[in-house]
Amino acid sequence: MKKIVLTMMAVLTMTTAFAGNDETMAAKDMAVYNMNVNINALARTLGMSSEQTNDMRSIHRTFTSDLQYAAGAKEDRQEKLFRKALIRNLACAKTILSNEQYHKYLKVINVTFINRGITTF
C-alpha cells in the first residue's frame, strides 16, 4: 500500500511539474510581447507635439493589444501575427510622425525588440 501511495505522489508531482513548465513558457511569451512604453518619454525623445503624442498613445494601445493577441495565439501563428501588428503600428506611426521622427522611432522600437529578445522581424 505504501508503494502505491508513493507512486501516486510521484506521478502527481511530475504532472504538476510539467504543467507548471507550460505555464512558465506561456508567461514568458506574454512578457516578451508586453510592450508597455512610457509614451511621454517617447514623445520627448522624438520631439512630438501634444497632438502627435495623443495619436501615438492610441496607436500604441492598439499595438499592445495586437501583440498580446499574438502572444496568446498558437506558436505557429505567433510570428505572422507579430509581423502583422508591427506593420500596422509602423504604418500608423508613419502617418503622424515626420520623416526624422519616424526614423528615430524605428531605431527606438528596434532596440526595444532586441532587448526583449524578439529578433524575428
PDB file of N, CA and C in Angstrom:
ATOM      1  N   MET A   1       0.828  -1.189   0.000  1.00  0.00           N
ATOM      2  CA  MET A   1       0.000   0.000   0.000  1.00  0.00           C
ATOM      3  C   MET A   1       0.875   1.256   0.000  1.00  0.00           C
ATOM      4  N   LYS A   2       1.964   1.178   0.755  1.00  0.00           N
ATOM      5  CA  LYS A   2       2.856   2.313   0.852  1.00  0.00           C
ATOM      6  C   LYS A   2       3.474   2.630  -0.513  1.00  0.00           C
ATOM      7  N   LYS A   3       3.815   1.583  -1.292  1.00  0.00           N
ATOM      8  CA  LYS A   3       4.401   1.768  -2.610  1.00  0.00           C
ATOM      9  C   LYS A   3       3.402   2.446  -3.559  1.00  0.00           C
ATOM     10  N   ILE A   4       2.149   2.085  -3.462  1.00  0.00           N
ATOM     11  CA  ILE A   4       1.115   2.663  -4.329  1.00  0.00           C
ATOM     12  C   ILE A   4       0.964   4.155  -4.034  1.00  0.00           C
ATOM     13  N   VAL A   5       0.929   4.509  -2.765  1.00  0.00           N
ATOM     14  CA  VAL A   5       0.792   5.909  -2.375  1.00  0.00           C
ATOM     15  C   VAL A   5       2.005   6.708  -2.849  1.00  0.00           C
ATOM     16  N   LEU A   6       3.202   6.173  -2.658  1.00  0.00           N
ATOM     17  CA  LEU A   6       4.409   6.865  -3.099  1.00  0.00           C
ATOM     18  C   LEU A   6       4.447   7.004  -4.623  1.00  0.00           C
ATOM     19  N   THR A   7       4.003   5.976  -5.338  1.00  0.00           N
ATOM     20  CA  THR A   7       3.955   6.040  -6.798  1.00  0.00           C
ATOM     21  C   THR A   7       2.977   7.113  -7.252  1.00  0.00           C
ATOM     22  N   MET A   8       1.809   7.170  -6.618  1.00  0.00           N
ATOM     23  CA  MET A   8       0.799   8.185  -6.966  1.00  0.00           C
ATOM     24  C   MET A   8       1.342   9.586  -6.691  1.00  0.00           C
ATOM     25  N   MET A   9       2.040   9.769  -5.592  1.00  0.00           N
ATOM     26  CA  MET A   9       2.615  11.073  -5.260  1.00  0.00           C
ATOM     27  C   MET A   9       3.653  11.467  -6.305  1.00  0.00           C
ATOM     28  N   ALA A  10       4.472  10.506  -6.729  1.00  0.00           N
ATOM     29  CA  ALA A  10       5.495  10.790  -7.730  1.00  0.00           C
ATOM     30  C   ALA A  10       4.850  11.189  -9.057  1.00  0.00           C
ATOM     31  N   VAL A  11       3.805  10.479  -9.462  1.00  0.00           N
ATOM     32  CA  VAL A  11       3.107  10.788 -10.713  1.00  0.00           C
ATOM     33  C   VAL A  11       2.472  12.175 -10.639  1.00  0.00           C
ATOM     34  N   LEU A  12       1.826  12.489  -9.544  1.00  0.00           N
ATOM     35  CA  LEU A  12       1.201  13.800  -9.388  1.00  0.00           C
ATOM     36  C   LEU A  12       2.248  14.922  -9.378  1.00  0.00           C
ATOM     37  N   THR A  13       3.376  14.662  -8.745  1.00  0.00           N
ATOM     38  CA  THR A  13       4.439  15.661  -8.705  1.00  0.00           C
ATOM     39  C   THR A  13       4.991  15.911 -10.104  1.00  0.00           C
ATOM     40  N   MET A  14       5.204  14.860 -10.876  1.00  0.00           N
ATOM     41  CA  MET A  14       5.724  15.006 -12.231  1.00  0.00           C
ATOM     42  C   MET A  14       4.706  15.731 -13.122  1.00  0.00           C
ATOM     43  N   THR A  15       3.442  15.393 -12.987  1.00  0.00           N
ATOM     44  CA  THR A  15       2.398  16.052 -13.777  1.00  0.00           C
ATOM     45  C   THR A  15       2.340  17.535 -13.448  1.00  0.00           C
ATOM     46  N   THR A  16       2.414  17.864 -12.195  1.00  0.00           N
ATOM     47  CA  THR A  16       2.398  19.266 -11.776  1.00  0.00           C
ATOM     48  C   THR A  16       3.622  20.007 -12.295  1.00  0.00           C
ATOM     49  N   ALA A  17       4.753  19.360 -12.281  1.00  0.00           N
ATOM     50  CA  ALA A  17       5.983  19.984 -12.765  1.00  0.00           C
ATOM     51  C   ALA A  17       5.885  20.286 -14.257  1.00  0.00           C
ATOM     52  N   PHE A  18       5.347  19.338 -15.031  1.00  0.00           N
ATOM     53  CA  PHE A  18       5.214  19.575 -16.468  1.00  0.00           C
ATOM     54  C   PHE A  18       4.184  20.657 -16.751  1.00  0.00           C
ATOM     55  N   ALA A  19       3.085  20.665 -16.044  1.00  0.00           N
ATOM     56  CA  ALA A  19       2.065  21.699 -16.232  1.00  0.00           C
ATOM     57  C   ALA A  19       2.619  23.064 -15.847  1.00  0.00           C
ATOM     58  N   GLY A  20       3.385  23.123 -14.810  1.00  0.00           N
ATOM     59  CA  GLY A  20       3.997  24.378 -14.394  1.00  0.00           C
ATOM     60  C   GLY A  20       4.976  24.893 -15.429  1.00  0.00           C
ATOM     61  N   ASN A  21       5.681  23.994 -16.100  1.00  0.00           N
ATOM     62  CA  ASN A  21       6.622  24.389 -17.131  1.00  0.00           C
ATOM     63  C   ASN A  21       5.888  25.023 -18.307  1.00  0.00           C
ATOM     64  N   ASP A  22       4.742  24.468 -18.720  1.00  0.00           N
ATOM     65  CA  ASP A  22       3.946  25.042 -19.798  1.00  0.00           C
ATOM     66  C   ASP A  22       3.451  26.429 -19.419  1.00  0.00           C
ATOM     67  N   GLU A  23       3.007  26.579 -18.177  1.00  0.00           N
ATOM     68  CA  GLU A  23       2.530  27.879 -17.726  1.00  0.00           C
ATOM     69  C   GLU A  23       3.668  28.888 -17.683  1.00  0.00           C
ATOM     70  N   THR A  24       4.856  28.425 -17.305  1.00  0.00           N
ATOM     71  CA  THR A  24       6.014  29.311 -17.271  1.00  0.00           C
ATOM     72  C   THR A  24       6.373  29.771 -18.672  1.00  0.00           C
ATOM     73  N   MET A  25       6.330  28.877 -19.639  1.00  0.00           N
ATOM     74  CA  MET A  25       6.630  29.242 -21.025  1.00  0.00           C
ATOM     75  C   MET A  25       5.587  30.221 -21.551  1.00  0.00           C
ATOM     76  N   ALA A  26       4.317  30.001 -21.244  1.00  0.00           N
ATOM     77  CA  ALA A  26       3.266  30.912 -21.691  1.00  0.00           C
ATOM     78  C   ALA A  26       3.449  32.286 -21.060  1.00  0.00           C
ATOM     79  N   ALA A  27       3.799  32.318 -19.795  1.00  0.00           N
ATOM     80  CA  ALA A  27       4.034  33.596 -19.122  1.00  0.00           C
ATOM     81  C   ALA A  27       5.234  34.302 -19.725  1.00  0.00           C
ATOM     82  N   LYS A  28       6.259  33.534 -20.084  1.00  0.00           N
ATOM     83  CA  LYS A  28       7.445  34.119 -20.701  1.00  0.00           C
ATOM     84  C   LYS A  28       7.083  34.739 -22.049  1.00  0.00           C
ATOM     85  N   ASP A  29       6.278  34.032 -22.858  1.00  0.00           N
ATOM     86  CA  ASP A  29       5.842  34.572 -24.149  1.00  0.00           C
ATOM     87  C   ASP A  29       5.075  35.871 -23.953  1.00  0.00           C
ATOM     88  N   MET A  30       4.180  35.895 -22.975  1.00  0.00           N
ATOM     89  CA  MET A  30       3.384  37.097 -22.720  1.00  0.00           C
ATOM     90  C   MET A  30       4.296  38.243 -22.288  1.00  0.00           C
ATOM     91  N   ALA A  31       5.311  37.947 -21.481  1.00  0.00           N
ATOM     92  CA  ALA A  31       6.211  39.000 -21.011  1.00  0.00           C
ATOM     93  C   ALA A  31       7.057  39.557 -22.141  1.00  0.00           C
ATOM     94  N   VAL A  32       7.481  38.695 -23.054  1.00  0.00           N
ATOM     95  CA  VAL A  32       8.290  39.154 -24.180  1.00  0.00           C
ATOM     96  C   VAL A  32       7.481  40.105 -25.058  1.00  0.00           C
ATOM     97  N   TYR A  33       6.223  39.793 -25.271  1.00  0.00           N
ATOM     98  CA  TYR A  33       5.375  40.615 -26.132  1.00  0.00           C
ATOM     99  C   TYR A  33       4.726  41.782 -25.395  1.00  0.00           C
ATOM    100  N   ASN A  34       5.027  41.940 -24.118  1.00  0.00           N
ATOM    101  CA  ASN A  34       4.471  43.058 -23.360  1.00  0.00           C
ATOM    102  C   ASN A  34       5.254  44.313 -23.713  1.00  0.00           C
ATOM    103  N   MET A  35       4.594  45.248 -24.356  1.00  0.00           N
ATOM    104  CA  MET A  35       5.273  46.443 -24.850  1.00  0.00           C
ATOM    105  C   MET A  35       4.804  47.693 -24.114  1.00  0.00           C
ATOM    106  N   ASN A  36       4.823  47.643 -22.807  1.00  0.00           N
ATOM    107  CA  ASN A  36       4.491  48.839 -22.046  1.00  0.00           C
ATOM    108  C   ASN A  36       5.598  49.860 -22.242  1.00  0.00           C
ATOM    109  N   VAL A  37       5.233  50.987 -22.824  1.00  0.00           N
ATOM    110  CA  VAL A  37       6.189  52.038 -23.134  1.00  0.00           C
ATOM    111  C   VAL A  37       5.681  53.339 -22.526  1.00  0.00           C
ATOM    112  N   ASN A  38       6.572  54.121 -21.984  1.00  0.00           N
ATOM    113  CA  ASN A  38       6.212  55.432 -21.467  1.00  0.00           C
ATOM    114  C   ASN A  38       6.094  56.371 -22.669  1.00  0.00           C
ATOM    115  N   ILE A  39       4.870  56.664 -23.050  1.00  0.00           N
ATOM    116  CA  ILE A  39       4.618  57.479 -24.241  1.00  0.00           C
ATOM    117  C   ILE A  39       5.173  58.890 -24.062  1.00  0.00           C
ATOM    118  N   ASN A  40       5.127  59.415 -22.851  1.00  0.00           N
ATOM    119  CA  ASN A  40       5.671  60.759 -22.619  1.00  0.00           C
ATOM    120  C   ASN A  40       7.181  60.793 -22.850  1.00  0.00           C
ATOM    121  N   ALA A  41       7.891  59.755 -22.432  1.00  0.00           N
ATOM    122  CA  ALA A  41       9.334  59.687 -22.683  1.00  0.00           C
ATOM    123  C   ALA A  41       9.600  59.529 -24.177  1.00  0.00           C
ATOM    124  N   LEU A  42       8.784  58.737 -24.839  1.00  0.00           N
ATOM    125  CA  LEU A  42       8.913  58.577 -26.281  1.00  0.00           C
ATOM    126  C   LEU A  42       8.664  59.908 -26.995  1.00  0.00           C
ATOM    127  N   ALA A  43       7.667  60.655 -26.523  1.00  0.00           N
ATOM    128  CA  ALA A  43       7.348  61.962 -27.112  1.00  0.00           C
ATOM    129  C   ALA A  43       8.515  62.934 -26.951  1.00  0.00           C
ATOM    130  N   ARG A  44       9.153  62.904 -25.783  1.00  0.00           N
ATOM    131  CA  ARG A  44      10.323  63.770 -25.575  1.00  0.00           C
ATOM    132  C   ARG A  44      11.475  63.360 -26.488  1.00  0.00           C
ATOM    133  N   THR A  45      11.695  62.063 -26.599  1.00  0.00           N
ATOM    134  CA  THR A  45      12.781  61.555 -27.428  1.00  0.00           C
ATOM    135  C   THR A  45      12.585  61.934 -28.895  1.00  0.00           C
ATOM    136  N   LEU A  46      11.353  61.824 -29.361  1.00  0.00           N
ATOM    137  CA  LEU A  46      11.071  62.094 -30.769  1.00  0.00           C
ATOM    138  C   LEU A  46      10.726  63.553 -31.036  1.00  0.00           C
ATOM    139  N   GLY A  47      10.506  64.337 -29.990  1.00  0.00           N
ATOM    140  CA  GLY A  47      10.122  65.732 -30.168  1.00  0.00           C
ATOM    141  C   GLY A  47       8.720  65.875 -30.731  1.00  0.00           C
ATOM    142  N   MET A  48       7.788  65.074 -30.217  1.00  0.00           N
ATOM    143  CA  MET A  48       6.419  65.089 -30.729  1.00  0.00           C
ATOM    144  C   MET A  48       5.617  66.233 -30.129  1.00  0.00           C
ATOM    145  N   SER A  49       4.644  66.708 -30.897  1.00  0.00           N
ATOM    146  CA  SER A  49       3.695  67.692 -30.392  1.00  0.00           C
ATOM    147  C   SER A  49       2.681  66.969 -29.508  1.00  0.00           C
ATOM    148  N   SER A  50       1.845  67.743 -28.818  1.00  0.00           N
ATOM    149  CA  SER A  50       0.835  67.118 -27.948  1.00  0.00           C
ATOM    150  C   SER A  50      -0.179  66.330 -28.779  1.00  0.00           C
ATOM    151  N   GLU A  51      -0.499  66.803 -29.959  1.00  0.00           N
ATOM    152  CA  GLU A  51      -1.429  66.076 -30.832  1.00  0.00           C
ATOM    153  C   GLU A  51      -0.811  64.755 -31.287  1.00  0.00           C
ATOM    154  N   GLN A  52       0.457  64.800 -31.669  1.00  0.00           N
ATOM    155  CA  GLN A  52       1.148  63.579 -32.063  1.00  0.00           C
ATOM    156  C   GLN A  52       1.236  62.597 -30.899  1.00  0.00           C
ATOM    157  N   THR A  53       1.457  63.128 -29.707  1.00  0.00           N
ATOM    158  CA  THR A  53       1.545  62.275 -28.520  1.00  0.00           C
ATOM    159  C   THR A  53       0.225  61.553 -28.270  1.00  0.00           C
ATOM    160  N   ASN A  54      -0.882  62.269 -28.366  1.00  0.00           N
ATOM    161  CA  ASN A  54      -2.190  61.642 -28.179  1.00  0.00           C
ATOM    162  C   ASN A  54      -2.455  60.592 -29.254  1.00  0.00           C
ATOM    163  N   ASP A  55      -2.106  60.907 -30.498  1.00  0.00           N
ATOM    164  CA  ASP A  55      -2.289  59.930 -31.573  1.00  0.00           C
ATOM    165  C   ASP A  55      -1.413  58.699 -31.351  1.00  0.00           C
ATOM    166  N   MET A  56      -0.175  58.918 -30.935  1.00  0.00           N
ATOM    167  CA  MET A  56       0.744  57.802 -30.688  1.00  0.00           C
ATOM    168  C   MET A  56       0.267  56.951 -29.513  1.00  0.00           C
ATOM    169  N   ARG A  57      -0.321  57.575 -28.522  1.00  0.00           N
ATOM    170  CA  ARG A  57      -0.869  56.834 -27.379  1.00  0.00           C
ATOM    171  C   ARG A  57      -1.956  55.865 -27.857  1.00  0.00           C
ATOM    172  N   SER A  58      -2.819  56.336 -28.744  1.00  0.00           N
ATOM    173  CA  SER A  58      -3.884  55.497 -29.301  1.00  0.00           C
ATOM    174  C   SER A  58      -3.301  54.367 -30.154  1.00  0.00           C
ATOM    175  N   ILE A  59      -2.324  54.712 -30.978  1.00  0.00           N
ATOM    176  CA  ILE A  59      -1.673  53.699 -31.819  1.00  0.00           C
ATOM    177  C   ILE A  59      -0.995  52.646 -30.950  1.00  0.00           C
ATOM    178  N   HIS A  60      -0.362  53.080 -29.891  1.00  0.00           N
ATOM    179  CA  HIS A  60       0.347  52.150 -29.015  1.00  0.00           C
ATOM    180  C   HIS A  60      -0.621  51.215 -28.286  1.00  0.00           C
ATOM    181  N   ARG A  61      -1.770  51.731 -27.889  1.00  0.00           N
ATOM    182  CA  ARG A  61      -2.773  50.858 -27.257  1.00  0.00           C
ATOM    183  C   ARG A  61      -3.183  49.737 -28.201  1.00  0.00           C
ATOM    184  N   THR A  62      -3.422  50.090 -29.457  1.00  0.00           N
ATOM    185  CA  THR A  62      -3.790  49.088 -30.451  1.00  0.00           C
ATOM    186  C   THR A  62      -2.652  48.095 -30.657  1.00  0.00           C
ATOM    187  N   PHE A  63      -1.431  48.601 -30.713  1.00  0.00           N
ATOM    188  CA  PHE A  63      -0.259  47.755 -30.915  1.00  0.00           C
ATOM    189  C   PHE A  63      -0.090  46.757 -29.777  1.00  0.00           C
ATOM    190  N   THR A  64      -0.197  47.215 -28.538  1.00  0.00           N
ATOM    191  CA  THR A  64      -0.043  46.302 -27.403  1.00  0.00           C
ATOM    192  C   THR A  64      -1.156  45.259 -27.384  1.00  0.00           C
ATOM    193  N   SER A  65      -2.352  45.666 -27.765  1.00  0.00           N
ATOM    194  CA  SER A  65      -3.454  44.719 -27.844  1.00  0.00           C
ATOM    195  C   SER A  65      -3.175  43.653 -28.902  1.00  0.00           C
ATOM    196  N   ASP A  66      -2.685  44.080 -30.052  1.00  0.00           N
ATOM    197  CA  ASP A  66      -2.344  43.134 -31.117  1.00  0.00           C
ATOM    198  C   ASP A  66      -1.227  42.192 -30.689  1.00  0.00           C
ATOM    199  N   LEU A  67      -0.233  42.712 -29.969  1.00  0.00           N
ATOM    200  CA  LEU A  67       0.868  41.871 -29.508  1.00  0.00           C
ATOM    201  C   LEU A  67       0.411  40.853 -28.468  1.00  0.00           C
ATOM    202  N   GLN A  68      -0.471  41.258 -27.585  1.00  0.00           N
ATOM    203  CA  GLN A  68      -0.987  40.313 -26.592  1.00  0.00           C
ATOM    204  C   GLN A  68      -1.804  39.209 -27.267  1.00  0.00           C
ATOM    205  N   TYR A  69      -2.520  39.576 -28.313  1.00  0.00           N
ATOM    206  CA  TYR A  69      -3.257  38.575 -29.085  1.00  0.00           C
ATOM    207  C   TYR A  69      -2.275  37.603 -29.737  1.00  0.00           C
ATOM    208  N   ALA A  70      -1.184  38.131 -30.292  1.00  0.00           N
ATOM    209  CA  ALA A  70      -0.171  37.277 -30.914  1.00  0.00           C
ATOM    210  C   ALA A  70       0.470  36.355 -29.878  1.00  0.00           C
ATOM    211  N   ALA A  71       0.740  36.872 -28.692  1.00  0.00           N
ATOM    212  CA  ALA A  71       1.370  36.072 -27.640  1.00  0.00           C
ATOM    213  C   ALA A  71       0.473  34.924 -27.203  1.00  0.00           C
ATOM    214  N   GLY A  72      -0.839  35.139 -27.232  1.00  0.00           N
ATOM    215  CA  GLY A  72      -1.772  34.102 -26.810  1.00  0.00           C
ATOM    216  C   GLY A  72      -2.135  33.118 -27.901  1.00  0.00           C
ATOM    217  N   ALA A  73      -1.691  33.381 -29.133  1.00  0.00           N
ATOM    218  CA  ALA A  73      -2.016  32.505 -30.259  1.00  0.00           C
ATOM    219  C   ALA A  73      -1.143  31.256 -30.235  1.00  0.00           C
ATOM    220  N   LYS A  74      -1.513  30.296 -31.062  1.00  0.00           N
ATOM    221  CA  LYS A  74      -0.702  29.088 -31.190  1.00  0.00           C
ATOM    222  C   LYS A  74       0.662  29.468 -31.751  1.00  0.00           C
ATOM    223  N   GLU A  75       1.649  28.687 -31.382  1.00  0.00           N
ATOM    224  CA  GLU A  75       3.035  29.009 -31.706  1.00  0.00           C
ATOM    225  C   GLU A  75       3.266  29.190 -33.201  1.00  0.00           C
ATOM    226  N   ASP A  76       2.595  28.405 -34.027  1.00  0.00           N
ATOM    227  CA  ASP A  76       2.818  28.504 -35.464  1.00  0.00           C
ATOM    228  C   ASP A  76       2.231  29.782 -36.073  1.00  0.00           C
ATOM    229  N   ARG A  77       1.348  30.464 -35.352  1.00  0.00           N
ATOM    230  CA  ARG A  77       0.747  31.705 -35.848  1.00  0.00           C
ATOM    231  C   ARG A  77       1.344  32.955 -35.210  1.00  0.00           C
ATOM    232  N   GLN A  78       2.119  32.791 -34.147  1.00  0.00           N
ATOM    233  CA  GLN A  78       2.631  33.938 -33.404  1.00  0.00           C
ATOM    234  C   GLN A  78       3.465  34.872 -34.270  1.00  0.00           C
ATOM    235  N   GLU A  79       4.385  34.334 -35.035  1.00  0.00           N
ATOM    236  CA  GLU A  79       5.265  35.188 -35.829  1.00  0.00           C
ATOM    237  C   GLU A  79       4.475  35.972 -36.867  1.00  0.00           C
ATOM    238  N   LYS A  80       3.522  35.330 -37.511  1.00  0.00           N
ATOM    239  CA  LYS A  80       2.702  36.007 -38.526  1.00  0.00           C
ATOM    240  C   LYS A  80       1.890  37.141 -37.893  1.00  0.00           C
ATOM    241  N   LEU A  81       1.285  36.876 -36.743  1.00  0.00           N
ATOM    242  CA  LEU A  81       0.503  37.908 -36.059  1.00  0.00           C
ATOM    243  C   LEU A  81       1.390  39.031 -35.545  1.00  0.00           C
ATOM    244  N   PHE A  82       2.591  38.689 -35.078  1.00  0.00           N
ATOM    245  CA  PHE A  82       3.531  39.704 -34.620  1.00  0.00           C
ATOM    246  C   PHE A  82       3.913  40.631 -35.765  1.00  0.00           C
ATOM    247  N   ARG A  83       4.248  40.054 -36.911  1.00  0.00           N
ATOM    248  CA  ARG A  83       4.622  40.864 -38.073  1.00  0.00           C
ATOM    249  C   ARG A  83       3.472  41.758 -38.517  1.00  0.00           C
ATOM    250  N   LYS A  84       2.275  41.207 -38.500  1.00  0.00           N
ATOM    251  CA  LYS A  84       1.097  41.984 -38.895  1.00  0.00           C
ATOM    252  C   LYS A  84       0.896  43.169 -37.949  1.00  0.00           C
ATOM    253  N   ALA A  85       1.052  42.931 -36.654  1.00  0.00           N
ATOM    254  CA  ALA A  85       0.909  44.006 -35.660  1.00  0.00           C
ATOM    255  C   ALA A  85       1.988  45.065 -35.845  1.00  0.00           C
ATOM    256  N   LEU A  86       3.217  44.627 -36.101  1.00  0.00           N
ATOM    257  CA  LEU A  86       4.323  45.557 -36.287  1.00  0.00           C
ATOM    258  C   LEU A  86       4.124  46.411 -37.537  1.00  0.00           C
ATOM    259  N   ILE A  87       3.724  45.794 -38.635  1.00  0.00           N
ATOM    260  CA  ILE A  87       3.500  46.540 -39.879  1.00  0.00           C
ATOM    261  C   ILE A  87       2.382  47.557 -39.686  1.00  0.00           C
ATOM    262  N   ARG A  88       1.338  47.142 -39.005  1.00  0.00           N
ATOM    263  CA  ARG A  88       0.217  48.066 -38.734  1.00  0.00           C
ATOM    264  C   ARG A  88       0.685  49.248 -37.879  1.00  0.00           C
ATOM    265  N   ASN A  89       1.481  48.953 -36.850  1.00  0.00           N
ATOM    266  CA  ASN A  89       1.994  50.005 -35.978  1.00  0.00           C
ATOM    267  C   ASN A  89       2.876  50.981 -36.741  1.00  0.00           C
ATOM    268  N   LEU A  90       3.777  50.458 -37.536  1.00  0.00           N
ATOM    269  CA  LEU A  90       4.690  51.322 -38.273  1.00  0.00           C
ATOM    270  C   LEU A  90       3.959  52.163 -39.314  1.00  0.00           C
ATOM    271  N   ALA A  91       2.957  51.581 -39.963  1.00  0.00           N
ATOM    272  CA  ALA A  91       2.187  52.337 -40.950  1.00  0.00           C
ATOM    273  C   ALA A  91       1.434  53.493 -40.287  1.00  0.00           C
ATOM    274  N   CYS A  92       0.840  53.220 -39.138  1.00  0.00           N
ATOM    275  CA  CYS A  92       0.121  54.280 -38.418  1.00  0.00           C
ATOM    276  C   CYS A  92       1.077  55.344 -37.904  1.00  0.00           C
ATOM    277  N   ALA A  93       2.222  54.926 -37.378  1.00  0.00           N
ATOM    278  CA  ALA A  93       3.201  55.879 -36.859  1.00  0.00           C
ATOM    279  C   ALA A  93       3.739  56.762 -37.980  1.00  0.00           C
ATOM    280  N   LYS A  94       3.926  56.184 -39.144  1.00  0.00           N
ATOM    281  CA  LYS A  94       4.465  56.956 -40.273  1.00  0.00           C
ATOM    282  C   LYS A  94       3.518  58.068 -40.701  1.00  0.00           C
ATOM    283  N   THR A  95       2.208  57.853 -40.509  1.00  0.00           N
ATOM    284  CA  THR A  95       1.245  58.879 -40.918  1.00  0.00           C
ATOM    285  C   THR A  95       1.251  60.086 -39.990  1.00  0.00           C
ATOM    286  N   ILE A  96       1.665  59.913 -38.737  1.00  0.00           N
ATOM    287  CA  ILE A  96       1.601  61.043 -37.808  1.00  0.00           C
ATOM    288  C   ILE A  96       2.960  61.663 -37.487  1.00  0.00           C
ATOM    289  N   LEU A  97       4.040  60.954 -37.812  1.00  0.00           N
ATOM    290  CA  LEU A  97       5.378  61.451 -37.496  1.00  0.00           C
ATOM    291  C   LEU A  97       6.046  62.027 -38.742  1.00  0.00           C
ATOM    292  N   SER A  98       6.935  62.980 -38.529  1.00  0.00           N
ATOM    293  CA  SER A  98       7.750  63.482 -39.639  1.00  0.00           C
ATOM    294  C   SER A  98       8.773  62.407 -40.005  1.00  0.00           C
ATOM    295  N   ASN A  99       9.464  62.582 -41.125  1.00  0.00           N
ATOM    296  CA  ASN A  99      10.464  61.591 -41.546  1.00  0.00           C
ATOM    297  C   ASN A  99      11.561  61.418 -40.499  1.00  0.00           C
ATOM    298  N   GLU A 100      12.037  62.514 -39.948  1.00  0.00           N
ATOM    299  CA  GLU A 100      13.085  62.446 -38.933  1.00  0.00           C
ATOM    300  C   GLU A 100      12.581  61.729 -37.682  1.00  0.00           C
ATOM    301  N   GLN A 101      11.378  62.063 -37.233  1.00  0.00           N
ATOM    302  CA  GLN A 101      10.797  61.410 -36.058  1.00  0.00           C
ATOM    303  C   GLN A 101      10.582  59.920 -36.320  1.00  0.00           C
ATOM    304  N   TYR A 102      10.119  59.603 -37.507  1.00  0.00           N
ATOM    305  CA  TYR A 102       9.846  58.203 -37.857  1.00  0.00           C
ATOM    306  C   TYR A 102      11.133  57.380 -37.838  1.00  0.00           C
ATOM    307  N   HIS A 103      12.215  57.918 -38.355  1.00  0.00           N
ATOM    308  CA  HIS A 103      13.481  57.192 -38.350  1.00  0.00           C
ATOM    309  C   HIS A 103      13.999  56.984 -36.921  1.00  0.00           C
ATOM    310  N   LYS A 104      13.817  57.970 -36.063  1.00  0.00           N
ATOM    311  CA  LYS A 104      14.174  57.801 -34.657  1.00  0.00           C
ATOM    312  C   LYS A 104      13.288  56.735 -34.013  1.00  0.00           C
ATOM    313  N   TYR A 105      11.996  56.753 -34.363  1.00  0.00           N
ATOM    314  CA  TYR A 105      11.054  55.763 -33.820  1.00  0.00           C
ATOM    315  C   TYR A 105      11.472  54.354 -34.235  1.00  0.00           C
ATOM    316  N   LEU A 106      11.880  54.188 -35.484  1.00  0.00           N
ATOM    317  CA  LEU A 106      12.338  52.877 -35.943  1.00  0.00           C
ATOM    318  C   LEU A 106      13.529  52.390 -35.120  1.00  0.00           C
ATOM    319  N   LYS A 107      14.448  53.282 -34.828  1.00  0.00           N
ATOM    320  CA  LYS A 107      15.611  52.916 -34.021  1.00  0.00           C
ATOM    321  C   LYS A 107      15.195  52.510 -32.608  1.00  0.00           C
ATOM    322  N   VAL A 108      14.298  53.298 -32.019  1.00  0.00           N
ATOM    323  CA  VAL A 108      13.844  53.003 -30.648  1.00  0.00           C
ATOM    324  C   VAL A 108      13.123  51.668 -30.584  1.00  0.00           C
ATOM    325  N   ILE A 109      12.214  51.431 -31.519  1.00  0.00           N
ATOM    326  CA  ILE A 109      11.438  50.184 -31.479  1.00  0.00           C
ATOM    327  C   ILE A 109      12.335  48.989 -31.791  1.00  0.00           C
ATOM    328  N   ASN A 110      13.305  49.173 -32.666  1.00  0.00           N
ATOM    329  CA  ASN A 110      14.241  48.098 -32.981  1.00  0.00           C
ATOM    330  C   ASN A 110      15.060  47.708 -31.755  1.00  0.00           C
ATOM    331  N   VAL A 111      15.594  48.681 -31.055  1.00  0.00           N
ATOM    332  CA  VAL A 111      16.375  48.407 -29.847  1.00  0.00           C
ATOM    333  C   VAL A 111      15.496  47.767 -28.770  1.00  0.00           C
ATOM    334  N   THR A 112      14.274  48.237 -28.652  1.00  0.00           N
ATOM    335  CA  THR A 112      13.354  47.671 -27.664  1.00  0.00           C
ATOM    336  C   THR A 112      13.106  46.195 -27.934  1.00  0.00           C
ATOM    337  N   PHE A 113      12.857  45.847 -29.185  1.00  0.00           N
ATOM    338  CA  PHE A 113      12.614  44.446 -29.529  1.00  0.00           C
ATOM    339  C   PHE A 113      13.860  43.588 -29.306  1.00  0.00           C
ATOM    340  N   ILE A 114      15.001  44.106 -29.676  1.00  0.00           N
ATOM    341  CA  ILE A 114      16.241  43.343 -29.471  1.00  0.00           C
ATOM    342  C   ILE A 114      16.474  43.104 -27.983  1.00  0.00           C
ATOM    343  N   ASN A 115      16.230  44.124 -27.146  1.00  0.00           N
ATOM    344  CA  ASN A 115      16.406  43.972 -25.703  1.00  0.00           C
ATOM    345  C   ASN A 115      15.427  42.958 -25.117  1.00  0.00           C
ATOM    346  N   ARG A 116      14.281  42.816 -25.730  1.00  0.00           N
ATOM    347  CA  ARG A 116      13.285  41.846 -25.241  1.00  0.00           C
ATOM    348  C   ARG A 116      13.472  40.455 -25.852  1.00  0.00           C
ATOM    349  N   GLY A 117      14.455  40.317 -26.728  1.00  0.00           N
ATOM    350  CA  GLY A 117      14.741  39.007 -27.318  1.00  0.00           C
ATOM    351  C   GLY A 117      13.899  38.683 -28.527  1.00  0.00           C
ATOM    352  N   ILE A 118      13.256  39.691 -29.120  1.00  0.00           N
ATOM    353  CA  ILE A 118      12.448  39.471 -30.312  1.00  0.00           C
ATOM    354  C   ILE A 118      13.277  39.911 -31.511  1.00  0.00           C
ATOM    355  N   THR A 119      13.687  38.957 -32.319  1.00  0.00           N
ATOM    356  CA  THR A 119      14.503  39.283 -33.487  1.00  0.00           C
ATOM    357  C   THR A 119      13.920  38.676 -34.754  1.00  0.00           C
ATOM    358  N   THR A 120      12.639  38.371 -34.753  1.00  0.00           N
ATOM    359  CA  THR A 120      12.032  37.683 -35.895  1.00  0.00           C
ATOM    360  C   THR A 120      11.405  38.629 -36.895  1.00  0.00           C
ATOM    361  N   PHE A 121      11.680  39.921 -36.800  1.00  0.00           N
ATOM    362  CA  PHE A 121      11.032  40.850 -37.734  1.00  0.00           C
ATOM    363  C   PHE A 121      11.915  41.226 -38.865  1.00  0.00           C
TER     364      PHE A 121
END
